[in-house]
Amino acid sequence: AERFGFCFEGIFRQHMVVKGLNRDTAWYSITDREWLRA
């Protein structure tokens, strides 16, 4: 995600239970102002 240009925004703790296990979720994003297709 970082290589592809996404910005790390933080972690949502105990966000989900996936396959019976806790998932802390890391959020990444690219905004239209940051999109550098070149």
PDB file of all heavy atoms in Angstrom:
ATOM      1  N   ALA A   1       0.827  -1.204   0.000  1.00  0.00           N
ATOM      2  CA  ALA A   1       0.000   0.000   0.000  1.00  0.00           C
ATOM      3  C   ALA A   1       0.862   1.255   0.000  1.00  0.00           C
ATOM      4  O   ALA A   1       0.592   2.221  -0.739  1.00  0.00           O
ATOM      5  CB  ALA A   1      -0.934  -0.009   1.208  1.00  0.00           C
ATOM      6  N   GLU A   2       1.901   1.252   0.801  1.00  0.00           N
ATOM      7  CA  GLU A   2       2.783   2.416   0.856  1.00  0.00           C
ATOM      8  C   GLU A   2       3.548   2.584  -0.453  1.00  0.00           C
ATOM      9  O   GLU A   2       3.733   3.709  -0.942  1.00  0.00           O
ATOM     10  CB  GLU A   2       3.728   2.276   2.046  1.00  0.00           C
ATOM     11  CG  GLU A   2       2.987   2.383   3.380  1.00  0.00           C
ATOM     12  CD  GLU A   2       3.818   1.936   4.573  1.00  0.00           C
ATOM     13  OE1 GLU A   2       4.986   1.547   4.359  1.00  0.00           O
ATOM     14  OE2 GLU A   2       3.283   1.963   5.700  1.00  0.00           O
ATOM     15  N   ARG A   3       3.990   1.468  -1.035  1.00  0.00           N
ATOM     16  CA  ARG A   3       4.689   1.547  -2.327  1.00  0.00           C
ATOM     17  C   ARG A   3       3.767   2.111  -3.407  1.00  0.00           C
ATOM     18  O   ARG A   3       4.204   2.882  -4.274  1.00  0.00           O
ATOM     19  CB  ARG A   3       5.169   0.155  -2.741  1.00  0.00           C
ATOM     20  CG  ARG A   3       5.764   0.090  -4.148  1.00  0.00           C
ATOM     21  CD  ARG A   3       6.248  -1.300  -4.500  1.00  0.00           C
ATOM     22  NE  ARG A   3       6.660  -1.362  -5.888  1.00  0.00           N
ATOM     23  CZ  ARG A   3       5.867  -1.707  -6.893  1.00  0.00           C
ATOM     24  NH1 ARG A   3       4.607  -2.044  -6.646  1.00  0.00           N
ATOM     25  NH2 ARG A   3       6.311  -1.725  -8.136  1.00  0.00           N
ATOM     26  N   PHE A   4       2.482   1.754  -3.352  1.00  0.00           N
ATOM     27  CA  PHE A   4       1.540   2.201  -4.362  1.00  0.00           C
ATOM     28  C   PHE A   4       1.077   3.642  -4.153  1.00  0.00           C
ATOM     29  O   PHE A   4       0.267   4.143  -4.922  1.00  0.00           O
ATOM     30  CB  PHE A   4       0.311   1.290  -4.383  1.00  0.00           C
ATOM     31  CG  PHE A   4       0.582  -0.104  -4.893  1.00  0.00           C
ATOM     32  CD1 PHE A   4      -0.151  -1.175  -4.403  1.00  0.00           C
ATOM     33  CD2 PHE A   4       1.548  -0.355  -5.851  1.00  0.00           C
ATOM     34  CE1 PHE A   4       0.072  -2.459  -4.866  1.00  0.00           C
ATOM     35  CE2 PHE A   4       1.784  -1.635  -6.319  1.00  0.00           C
ATOM     36  CZ  PHE A   4       1.046  -2.697  -5.829  1.00  0.00           C
ATOM     37  N   GLY A   5       1.566   4.294  -3.112  1.00  0.00           N
ATOM     38  CA  GLY A   5       1.252   5.699  -2.905  1.00  0.00           C
ATOM     39  C   GLY A   5       0.121   5.978  -1.946  1.00  0.00           C
ATOM     40  O   GLY A   5      -0.323   7.127  -1.828  1.00  0.00           O
ATOM     41  N   PHE A   6      -0.369   4.955  -1.226  1.00  0.00           N
ATOM     42  CA  PHE A   6      -1.403   5.184  -0.225  1.00  0.00           C
ATOM     43  C   PHE A   6      -0.797   5.783   1.039  1.00  0.00           C
ATOM     44  O   PHE A   6       0.332   5.459   1.406  1.00  0.00           O
ATOM     45  CB  PHE A   6      -2.092   3.867   0.138  1.00  0.00           C
ATOM     46  CG  PHE A   6      -3.036   3.348  -0.909  1.00  0.00           C
ATOM     47  CD1 PHE A   6      -2.546   2.675  -2.024  1.00  0.00           C
ATOM     48  CD2 PHE A   6      -4.403   3.512  -0.776  1.00  0.00           C
ATOM     49  CE1 PHE A   6      -3.413   2.177  -2.992  1.00  0.00           C
ATOM     50  CE2 PHE A   6      -5.276   3.015  -1.736  1.00  0.00           C
ATOM     51  CZ  PHE A   6      -4.778   2.353  -2.846  1.00  0.00           C
ATOM     52  N   CYS A   7      -1.555   6.632   1.689  1.00  0.00           N
ATOM     53  CA  CYS A   7      -1.132   7.273   2.933  1.00  0.00           C
ATOM     54  C   CYS A   7      -1.731   6.522   4.120  1.00  0.00           C
ATOM     55  O   CYS A   7      -2.941   6.274   4.174  1.00  0.00           O
ATOM     56  CB  CYS A   7      -1.616   8.721   2.934  1.00  0.00           C
ATOM     57  SG  CYS A   7      -1.249   9.623   4.457  1.00  0.00           S
ATOM     58  N   PHE A   8      -0.894   6.165   5.088  1.00  0.00           N
ATOM     59  CA  PHE A   8      -1.352   5.502   6.305  1.00  0.00           C
ATOM     60  C   PHE A   8      -2.085   6.506   7.187  1.00  0.00           C
ATOM     61  O   PHE A   8      -1.597   7.601   7.443  1.00  0.00           O
ATOM     62  CB  PHE A   8      -0.165   4.910   7.064  1.00  0.00           C
ATOM     63  CG  PHE A   8      -0.525   4.340   8.406  1.00  0.00           C
ATOM     64  CD1 PHE A   8      -1.344   3.223   8.509  1.00  0.00           C
ATOM     65  CD2 PHE A   8      -0.043   4.916   9.568  1.00  0.00           C
ATOM     66  CE1 PHE A   8      -1.675   2.695   9.745  1.00  0.00           C
ATOM     67  CE2 PHE A   8      -0.363   4.390  10.808  1.00  0.00           C
ATOM     68  CZ  PHE A   8      -1.185   3.280  10.894  1.00  0.00           C
ATOM     69  N   GLU A   9      -3.285   6.129   7.652  1.00  0.00           N
ATOM     70  CA  GLU A   9      -4.106   7.055   8.419  1.00  0.00           C
ATOM     71  C   GLU A   9      -4.319   6.637   9.873  1.00  0.00           C
ATOM     72  O   GLU A   9      -4.764   7.448  10.674  1.00  0.00           O
ATOM     73  CB  GLU A   9      -5.476   7.200   7.743  1.00  0.00           C
ATOM     74  CG  GLU A   9      -5.384   7.842   6.370  1.00  0.00           C
ATOM     75  CD  GLU A   9      -6.744   8.046   5.733  1.00  0.00           C
ATOM     76  OE1 GLU A   9      -7.647   7.218   5.948  1.00  0.00           O
ATOM     77  OE2 GLU A   9      -6.900   9.046   5.015  1.00  0.00           O
ATOM     78  N   GLY A  10      -4.039   5.389  10.194  1.00  0.00           N
ATOM     79  CA  GLY A  10      -4.221   4.971  11.569  1.00  0.00           C
ATOM     80  C   GLY A  10      -4.775   3.561  11.663  1.00  0.00           C
ATOM     81  O   GLY A  10      -4.993   2.891  10.660  1.00  0.00           O
ATOM     82  N   ILE A  11      -5.019   3.121  12.899  1.00  0.00           N
ATOM     83  CA  ILE A  11      -5.476   1.757  13.151  1.00  0.00           C
ATOM     84  C   ILE A  11      -6.799   1.792  13.906  1.00  0.00           C
ATOM     85  O   ILE A  11      -6.927   2.487  14.931  1.00  0.00           O
ATOM     86  CB  ILE A  11      -4.426   0.970  13.960  1.00  0.00           C
ATOM     87  CG1 ILE A  11      -3.128   0.849  13.144  1.00  0.00           C
ATOM     88  CG2 ILE A  11      -4.959  -0.421  14.332  1.00  0.00           C
ATOM     89  CD1 ILE A  11      -1.979   0.260  13.922  1.00  0.00           C
ATOM     90  N   PHE A  12      -7.768   1.084  13.406  1.00  0.00           N
ATOM     91  CA  PHE A  12      -9.031   0.878  14.113  1.00  0.00           C
ATOM     92  C   PHE A  12      -8.887  -0.405  14.926  1.00  0.00           C
ATOM     93  O   PHE A  12      -8.878  -1.498  14.362  1.00  0.00           O
ATOM     94  CB  PHE A  12     -10.192   0.753  13.122  1.00  0.00           C
ATOM     95  CG  PHE A  12     -10.748   2.067  12.645  1.00  0.00           C
ATOM     96  CD1 PHE A  12      -9.931   3.167  12.450  1.00  0.00           C
ATOM     97  CD2 PHE A  12     -12.110   2.199  12.387  1.00  0.00           C
ATOM     98  CE1 PHE A  12     -10.434   4.377  12.009  1.00  0.00           C
ATOM     99  CE2 PHE A  12     -12.632   3.405  11.950  1.00  0.00           C
ATOM    100  CZ  PHE A  12     -11.799   4.493  11.764  1.00  0.00           C
ATOM    101  N   ARG A  13      -8.762  -0.277  16.237  1.00  0.00           N
ATOM    102  CA  ARG A  13      -8.545  -1.432  17.094  1.00  0.00           C
ATOM    103  C   ARG A  13      -9.824  -2.241  17.251  1.00  0.00           C
ATOM    104  O   ARG A  13     -10.904  -1.686  17.359  1.00  0.00           O
ATOM    105  CB  ARG A  13      -8.022  -0.969  18.459  1.00  0.00           C
ATOM    106  CG  ARG A  13      -6.681  -0.236  18.383  1.00  0.00           C
ATOM    107  CD  ARG A  13      -6.276   0.300  19.738  1.00  0.00           C
ATOM    108  NE  ARG A  13      -7.260   1.247  20.249  1.00  0.00           N
ATOM    109  CZ  ARG A  13      -7.377   1.597  21.522  1.00  0.00           C
ATOM    110  NH1 ARG A  13      -6.577   1.053  22.434  1.00  0.00           N
ATOM    111  NH2 ARG A  13      -8.286   2.467  21.890  1.00  0.00           N
ATOM    112  N   GLN A  14      -9.658  -3.569  17.272  1.00  0.00           N
ATOM    113  CA  GLN A  14     -10.781  -4.496  17.411  1.00  0.00           C
ATOM    114  C   GLN A  14     -11.921  -4.125  16.460  1.00  0.00           C
ATOM    115  O   GLN A  14     -13.094  -4.095  16.835  1.00  0.00           O
ATOM    116  CB  GLN A  14     -11.255  -4.568  18.865  1.00  0.00           C
ATOM    117  CG  GLN A  14     -10.187  -5.114  19.784  1.00  0.00           C
ATOM    118  CD  GLN A  14     -10.672  -5.422  21.186  1.00  0.00           C
ATOM    119  OE1 GLN A  14      -9.878  -5.743  22.049  1.00  0.00           O
ATOM    120  NE2 GLN A  14     -11.969  -5.332  21.429  1.00  0.00           N
ATOM    121  N   HIS A  15     -11.552  -3.887  15.225  1.00  0.00           N
ATOM    122  CA  HIS A  15     -12.491  -3.418  14.218  1.00  0.00           C
ATOM    123  C   HIS A  15     -13.398  -4.535  13.720  1.00  0.00           C
ATOM    124  O   HIS A  15     -14.565  -4.310  13.418  1.00  0.00           O
ATOM    125  CB  HIS A  15     -11.695  -2.821  13.055  1.00  0.00           C
ATOM    126  CG  HIS A  15     -12.532  -2.319  11.928  1.00  0.00           C
ATOM    127  ND1 HIS A  15     -12.247  -2.589  10.601  1.00  0.00           N
ATOM    128  CD2 HIS A  15     -13.650  -1.554  11.910  1.00  0.00           C
ATOM    129  CE1 HIS A  15     -13.129  -2.015   9.831  1.00  0.00           C
ATOM    130  NE2 HIS A  15     -13.996  -1.382  10.592  1.00  0.00           N
ATOM    131  N   MET A  16     -12.848  -5.766  13.610  1.00  0.00           N
ATOM    132  CA  MET A  16     -13.603  -6.882  13.054  1.00  0.00           C
ATOM    133  C   MET A  16     -13.190  -8.182  13.733  1.00  0.00           C
ATOM    134  O   MET A  16     -12.154  -8.245  14.393  1.00  0.00           O
ATOM    135  CB  MET A  16     -13.326  -7.041  11.546  1.00  0.00           C
ATOM    136  CG  MET A  16     -13.818  -5.939  10.649  1.00  0.00           C
ATOM    137  SD  MET A  16     -13.396  -6.321   8.924  1.00  0.00           S
ATOM    138  CE  MET A  16     -14.201  -4.958   8.102  1.00  0.00           C
ATOM    139  N   VAL A  17     -14.022  -9.202  13.516  1.00  0.00           N
ATOM    140  CA  VAL A  17     -13.641 -10.576  13.824  1.00  0.00           C
ATOM    141  C   VAL A  17     -13.649 -11.323  12.498  1.00  0.00           C
ATOM    142  O   VAL A  17     -14.684 -11.402  11.827  1.00  0.00           O
ATOM    143  CB  VAL A  17     -14.599 -11.237  14.823  1.00  0.00           C
ATOM    144  CG1 VAL A  17     -14.216 -12.697  15.025  1.00  0.00           C
ATOM    145  CG2 VAL A  17     -14.592 -10.482  16.148  1.00  0.00           C
ATOM    146  N   VAL A  18     -12.503 -11.836  12.087  1.00  0.00           N
ATOM    147  CA  VAL A  18     -12.359 -12.520  10.804  1.00  0.00           C
ATOM    148  C   VAL A  18     -11.851 -13.933  11.065  1.00  0.00           C
ATOM    149  O   VAL A  18     -10.807 -14.111  11.691  1.00  0.00           O
ATOM    150  CB  VAL A  18     -11.398 -11.752   9.874  1.00  0.00           C
ATOM    151  CG1 VAL A  18     -11.234 -12.485   8.548  1.00  0.00           C
ATOM    152  CG2 VAL A  18     -11.899 -10.332   9.638  1.00  0.00           C
ATOM    153  N   LYS A  19     -12.604 -14.906  10.606  1.00  0.00           N
ATOM    154  CA  LYS A  19     -12.254 -16.314  10.797  1.00  0.00           C
ATOM    155  C   LYS A  19     -12.033 -16.624  12.275  1.00  0.00           C
ATOM    156  O   LYS A  19     -11.120 -17.357  12.657  1.00  0.00           O
ATOM    157  CB  LYS A  19     -11.023 -16.683   9.962  1.00  0.00           C
ATOM    158  CG  LYS A  19     -11.242 -16.545   8.463  1.00  0.00           C
ATOM    159  CD  LYS A  19      -9.992 -16.823   7.653  1.00  0.00           C
ATOM    160  CE  LYS A  19     -10.275 -16.675   6.165  1.00  0.00           C
ATOM    161  NZ  LYS A  19      -9.063 -16.820   5.329  1.00  0.00           N
ATOM    162  N   GLY A  20     -12.861 -15.997  13.108  1.00  0.00           N
ATOM    163  CA  GLY A  20     -12.829 -16.244  14.539  1.00  0.00           C
ATOM    164  C   GLY A  20     -11.753 -15.500  15.296  1.00  0.00           C
ATOM    165  O   GLY A  20     -11.622 -15.672  16.515  1.00  0.00           O
ATOM    166  N   LEU A  21     -11.005 -14.639  14.611  1.00  0.00           N
ATOM    167  CA  LEU A  21      -9.896 -13.927  15.239  1.00  0.00           C
ATOM    168  C   LEU A  21     -10.119 -12.423  15.178  1.00  0.00           C
ATOM    169  O   LEU A  21     -10.722 -11.898  14.238  1.00  0.00           O
ATOM    170  CB  LEU A  21      -8.579 -14.276  14.537  1.00  0.00           C
ATOM    171  CG  LEU A  21      -8.170 -15.751  14.550  1.00  0.00           C
ATOM    172  CD1 LEU A  21      -6.927 -15.957  13.687  1.00  0.00           C
ATOM    173  CD2 LEU A  21      -7.932 -16.233  15.973  1.00  0.00           C
ATOM    174  N   ASN A  22      -9.610 -11.727  16.204  1.00  0.00           N
ATOM    175  CA  ASN A  22      -9.679 -10.276  16.203  1.00  0.00           C
ATOM    176  C   ASN A  22      -8.887  -9.705  15.034  1.00  0.00           C
ATOM    177  O   ASN A  22      -7.820 -10.196  14.680  1.00  0.00           O
ATOM    178  CB  ASN A  22      -9.110  -9.710  17.500  1.00  0.00           C
ATOM    179  CG  ASN A  22      -9.019  -8.191  17.461  1.00  0.00           C
ATOM    180  OD1 ASN A  22     -10.032  -7.508  17.394  1.00  0.00           O
ATOM    181  ND2 ASN A  22      -7.800  -7.656  17.470  1.00  0.00           N
ATOM    182  N   ARG A  23      -9.433  -8.647  14.439  1.00  0.00           N
ATOM    183  CA  ARG A  23      -8.695  -7.902  13.417  1.00  0.00           C
ATOM    184  C   ARG A  23      -8.620  -6.444  13.797  1.00  0.00           C
ATOM    185  O   ARG A  23      -9.642  -5.763  13.934  1.00  0.00           O
ATOM    186  CB  ARG A  23      -9.356  -8.045  12.043  1.00  0.00           C
ATOM    187  CG  ARG A  23      -8.737  -7.097  11.013  1.00  0.00           C
ATOM    188  CD  ARG A  23      -9.233  -7.348   9.613  1.00  0.00           C
ATOM    189  NE  ARG A  23      -9.445  -6.092   8.900  1.00  0.00           N
ATOM    190  CZ  ARG A  23      -9.612  -5.988   7.586  1.00  0.00           C
ATOM    191  NH1 ARG A  23      -9.592  -7.076   6.835  1.00  0.00           N
ATOM    192  NH2 ARG A  23      -9.826  -4.819   7.026  1.00  0.00           N
ATOM    193  N   ASP A  24      -7.405  -5.959  14.005  1.00  0.00           N
ATOM    194  CA  ASP A  24      -7.135  -4.525  14.063  1.00  0.00           C
ATOM    195  C   ASP A  24      -6.890  -4.088  12.627  1.00  0.00           C
ATOM    196  O   ASP A  24      -6.065  -4.679  11.921  1.00  0.00           O
ATOM    197  CB  ASP A  24      -5.905  -4.224  14.908  1.00  0.00           C
ATOM    198  CG  ASP A  24      -6.082  -4.613  16.369  1.00  0.00           C
ATOM    199  OD1 ASP A  24      -7.237  -4.678  16.833  1.00  0.00           O
ATOM    200  OD2 ASP A  24      -5.058  -4.857  17.032  1.00  0.00           O
ATOM    201  N   THR A  25      -7.593  -3.053  12.179  1.00  0.00           N
ATOM    202  CA  THR A  25      -7.555  -2.675  10.780  1.00  0.00           C
ATOM    203  C   THR A  25      -6.720  -1.420  10.566  1.00  0.00           C
ATOM    204  O   THR A  25      -6.970  -0.385  11.196  1.00  0.00           O
ATOM    205  CB  THR A  25      -8.975  -2.441  10.236  1.00  0.00           C
ATOM    206  OG1 THR A  25      -9.719  -3.663  10.352  1.00  0.00           O
ATOM    207  CG2 THR A  25      -8.947  -2.020   8.780  1.00  0.00           C
ATOM    208  N   ALA A  26      -5.737  -1.514   9.685  1.00  0.00           N
ATOM    209  CA  ALA A  26      -4.934  -0.362   9.274  1.00  0.00           C
ATOM    210  C   ALA A  26      -5.614   0.304   8.088  1.00  0.00           C
ATOM    211  O   ALA A  26      -5.954  -0.364   7.112  1.00  0.00           O
ATOM    212  CB  ALA A  26      -3.518  -0.813   8.906  1.00  0.00           C
ATOM    213  N   TRP A  27      -5.811   1.609   8.162  1.00  0.00           N
ATOM    214  CA  TRP A  27      -6.499   2.364   7.110  1.00  0.00           C
ATOM    215  C   TRP A  27      -5.481   3.124   6.270  1.00  0.00           C
ATOM    216  O   TRP A  27      -4.591   3.808   6.800  1.00  0.00           O
ATOM    217  CB  TRP A  27      -7.477   3.369   7.726  1.00  0.00           C
ATOM    218  CG  TRP A  27      -8.729   2.750   8.273  1.00  0.00           C
ATOM    219  CD1 TRP A  27      -8.821   1.705   9.146  1.00  0.00           C
ATOM    220  CD2 TRP A  27     -10.070   3.152   7.988  1.00  0.00           C
ATOM    221  NE1 TRP A  27     -10.118   1.430   9.428  1.00  0.00           N
ATOM    222  CE2 TRP A  27     -10.915   2.295   8.741  1.00  0.00           C
ATOM    223  CE3 TRP A  27     -10.634   4.141   7.200  1.00  0.00           C
ATOM    224  CZ2 TRP A  27     -12.307   2.410   8.697  1.00  0.00           C
ATOM    225  CZ3 TRP A  27     -12.016   4.251   7.162  1.00  0.00           C
ATOM    226  CH2 TRP A  27     -12.835   3.396   7.908  1.00  0.00           C
ATOM    227  N   TYR A  28      -5.642   3.009   4.967  1.00  0.00           N
ATOM    228  CA  TYR A  28      -4.811   3.737   3.998  1.00  0.00           C
ATOM    229  C   TYR A  28      -5.729   4.408   2.982  1.00  0.00           C
ATOM    230  O   TYR A  28      -6.832   3.934   2.714  1.00  0.00           O
ATOM    231  CB  TYR A  28      -3.878   2.781   3.255  1.00  0.00           C
ATOM    232  CG  TYR A  28      -2.768   2.184   4.085  1.00  0.00           C
ATOM    233  CD1 TYR A  28      -2.998   1.084   4.898  1.00  0.00           C
ATOM    234  CD2 TYR A  28      -1.473   2.722   4.052  1.00  0.00           C
ATOM    235  CE1 TYR A  28      -1.982   0.532   5.661  1.00  0.00           C
ATOM    236  CE2 TYR A  28      -0.453   2.177   4.809  1.00  0.00           C
ATOM    237  CZ  TYR A  28      -0.715   1.081   5.608  1.00  0.00           C
ATOM    238  OH  TYR A  28       0.295   0.542   6.360  1.00  0.00           O
ATOM    239  N   SER A  29      -5.254   5.490   2.399  1.00  0.00           N
ATOM    240  CA  SER A  29      -6.054   6.142   1.359  1.00  0.00           C
ATOM    241  C   SER A  29      -5.171   6.952   0.422  1.00  0.00           C
ATOM    242  O   SER A  29      -4.030   7.309   0.743  1.00  0.00           O
ATOM    243  CB  SER A  29      -7.114   7.070   1.971  1.00  0.00           C
ATOM    244  OG  SER A  29      -6.501   8.261   2.453  1.00  0.00           O
ATOM    245  N   ILE A  30      -5.735   7.224  -0.752  1.00  0.00           N
ATOM    246  CA  ILE A  30      -5.219   8.239  -1.671  1.00  0.00           C
ATOM    247  C   ILE A  30      -6.399   9.165  -1.952  1.00  0.00           C
ATOM    248  O   ILE A  30      -7.501   8.698  -2.251  1.00  0.00           O
ATOM    249  CB  ILE A  30      -4.736   7.641  -3.006  1.00  0.00           C
ATOM    250  CG1 ILE A  30      -3.653   6.579  -2.789  1.00  0.00           C
ATOM    251  CG2 ILE A  30      -4.199   8.746  -3.921  1.00  0.00           C
ATOM    252  CD1 ILE A  30      -3.256   5.845  -4.066  1.00  0.00           C
ATOM    253  N   THR A  31      -6.201  10.471  -1.857  1.00  0.00           N
ATOM    254  CA  THR A  31      -7.251  11.417  -2.206  1.00  0.00           C
ATOM    255  C   THR A  31      -7.029  11.922  -3.630  1.00  0.00           C
ATOM    256  O   THR A  31      -5.939  11.769  -4.202  1.00  0.00           O
ATOM    257  CB  THR A  31      -7.284  12.615  -1.247  1.00  0.00           C
ATOM    258  OG1 THR A  31      -6.113  13.417  -1.436  1.00  0.00           O
ATOM    259  CG2 THR A  31      -7.361  12.153   0.211  1.00  0.00           C
ATOM    260  N   ASP A  32      -8.056  12.539  -4.180  1.00  0.00           N
ATOM    261  CA  ASP A  32      -7.945  13.046  -5.542  1.00  0.00           C
ATOM    262  C   ASP A  32      -6.846  14.110  -5.654  1.00  0.00           C
ATOM    263  O   ASP A  32      -6.201  14.236  -6.694  1.00  0.00           O
ATOM    264  CB  ASP A  32      -9.284  13.596  -6.036  1.00  0.00           C
ATOM    265  CG  ASP A  32      -9.895  14.653  -5.138  1.00  0.00           C
ATOM    266  OD1 ASP A  32      -9.327  14.957  -4.059  1.00  0.00           O
ATOM    267  OD2 ASP A  32     -10.964  15.188  -5.496  1.00  0.00           O
ATOM    268  N   ARG A  33      -6.598  14.834  -4.585  1.00  0.00           N
ATOM    269  CA  ARG A  33      -5.541  15.850  -4.610  1.00  0.00           C
ATOM    270  C   ARG A  33      -4.151  15.217  -4.651  1.00  0.00           C
ATOM    271  O   ARG A  33      -3.183  15.863  -5.048  1.00  0.00           O
ATOM    272  CB  ARG A  33      -5.644  16.755  -3.377  1.00  0.00           C
ATOM    273  CG  ARG A  33      -6.946  17.543  -3.280  1.00  0.00           C
ATOM    274  CD  ARG A  33      -7.042  18.256  -1.938  1.00  0.00           C
ATOM    275  NE  ARG A  33      -8.347  18.868  -1.726  1.00  0.00           N
ATOM    276  CZ  ARG A  33      -8.638  20.135  -1.994  1.00  0.00           C
ATOM    277  NH1 ARG A  33      -7.705  20.924  -2.509  1.00  0.00           N
ATOM    278  NH2 ARG A  33      -9.851  20.609  -1.770  1.00  0.00           N
ATOM    279  N   GLU A  34      -4.045  13.961  -4.197  1.00  0.00           N
ATOM    280  CA  GLU A  34      -2.752  13.275  -4.104  1.00  0.00           C
ATOM    281  C   GLU A  34      -2.476  12.352  -5.283  1.00  0.00           C
ATOM    282  O   GLU A  34      -1.359  11.857  -5.425  1.00  0.00           O
ATOM    283  CB  GLU A  34      -2.701  12.443  -2.818  1.00  0.00           C
ATOM    284  CG  GLU A  34      -2.836  13.263  -1.552  1.00  0.00           C
ATOM    285  CD  GLU A  34      -3.193  12.412  -0.341  1.00  0.00           C
ATOM    286  OE1 GLU A  34      -3.656  11.257  -0.521  1.00  0.00           O
ATOM    287  OE2 GLU A  34      -3.024  12.912   0.788  1.00  0.00           O
ATOM    288  N   TRP A  35      -3.486  12.101  -6.101  1.00  0.00           N
ATOM    289  CA  TRP A  35      -3.344  11.114  -7.163  1.00  0.00           C
ATOM    290  C   TRP A  35      -2.377  11.620  -8.234  1.00  0.00           C
ATOM    291  O   TRP A  35      -2.641  12.605  -8.915  1.00  0.00           O
ATOM    292  CB  TRP A  35      -4.698  10.807  -7.775  1.00  0.00           C
ATOM    293  CG  TRP A  35      -4.674   9.907  -8.985  1.00  0.00           C
ATOM    294  CD1 TRP A  35      -5.228  10.176 -10.206  1.00  0.00           C
ATOM    295  CD2 TRP A  35      -4.101   8.603  -9.093  1.00  0.00           C
ATOM    296  NE1 TRP A  35      -5.034   9.121 -11.064  1.00  0.00           N
ATOM    297  CE2 TRP A  35      -4.336   8.145 -10.399  1.00  0.00           C
ATOM    298  CE3 TRP A  35      -3.396   7.786  -8.200  1.00  0.00           C
ATOM    299  CZ2 TRP A  35      -3.905   6.897 -10.845  1.00  0.00           C
ATOM    300  CZ3 TRP A  35      -2.953   6.552  -8.642  1.00  0.00           C
ATOM    301  CH2 TRP A  35      -3.212   6.118  -9.938  1.00  0.00           C
ATOM    302  N   LEU A  36      -1.261  10.929  -8.379  1.00  0.00           N
ATOM    303  CA  LEU A  36      -0.227  11.295  -9.347  1.00  0.00           C
ATOM    304  C   LEU A  36      -0.072  10.152 -10.341  1.00  0.00           C
ATOM    305  O   LEU A  36       0.813   9.306 -10.223  1.00  0.00           O
ATOM    306  CB  LEU A  36       1.098  11.590  -8.630  1.00  0.00           C
ATOM    307  CG  LEU A  36       1.081  12.795  -7.691  1.00  0.00           C
ATOM    308  CD1 LEU A  36       2.407  12.921  -6.955  1.00  0.00           C
ATOM    309  CD2 LEU A  36       0.798  14.083  -8.476  1.00  0.00           C
ATOM    310  N   ARG A  37      -0.967  10.137 -11.312  1.00  0.00           N
ATOM    311  CA  ARG A  37      -0.946   9.049 -12.286  1.00  0.00           C
ATOM    312  C   ARG A  37       0.348   9.043 -13.098  1.00  0.00           C
ATOM    313  O   ARG A  37       0.776   7.991 -13.589  1.00  0.00           O
ATOM    314  CB  ARG A  37      -2.170   9.112 -13.197  1.00  0.00           C
ATOM    315  CG  ARG A  37      -2.132  10.156 -14.274  1.00  0.00           C
ATOM    316  CD  ARG A  37      -3.472  10.333 -14.984  1.00  0.00           C
ATOM    317  NE  ARG A  37      -4.084   9.115 -15.462  1.00  0.00           N
ATOM    318  CZ  ARG A  37      -3.904   8.637 -16.696  1.00  0.00           C
ATOM    319  NH1 ARG A  37      -3.097   9.256 -17.527  1.00  0.00           N
ATOM    320  NH2 ARG A  37      -4.527   7.548 -17.071  1.00  0.00           N
ATOM    321  N   ALA A  38       0.997  10.210 -13.214  1.00  0.00           N
ATOM    322  CA  ALA A  38       2.225  10.282 -14.008  1.00  0.00           C
ATOM    323  C   ALA A  38       3.319   9.379 -13.441  1.00  0.00           C
ATOM    324  O   ALA A  38       4.125   8.826 -14.194  1.00  0.00           O
ATOM    325  CB  ALA A  38       2.720  11.723 -14.083  1.00  0.00           C
TER     326      ALA A  38
END
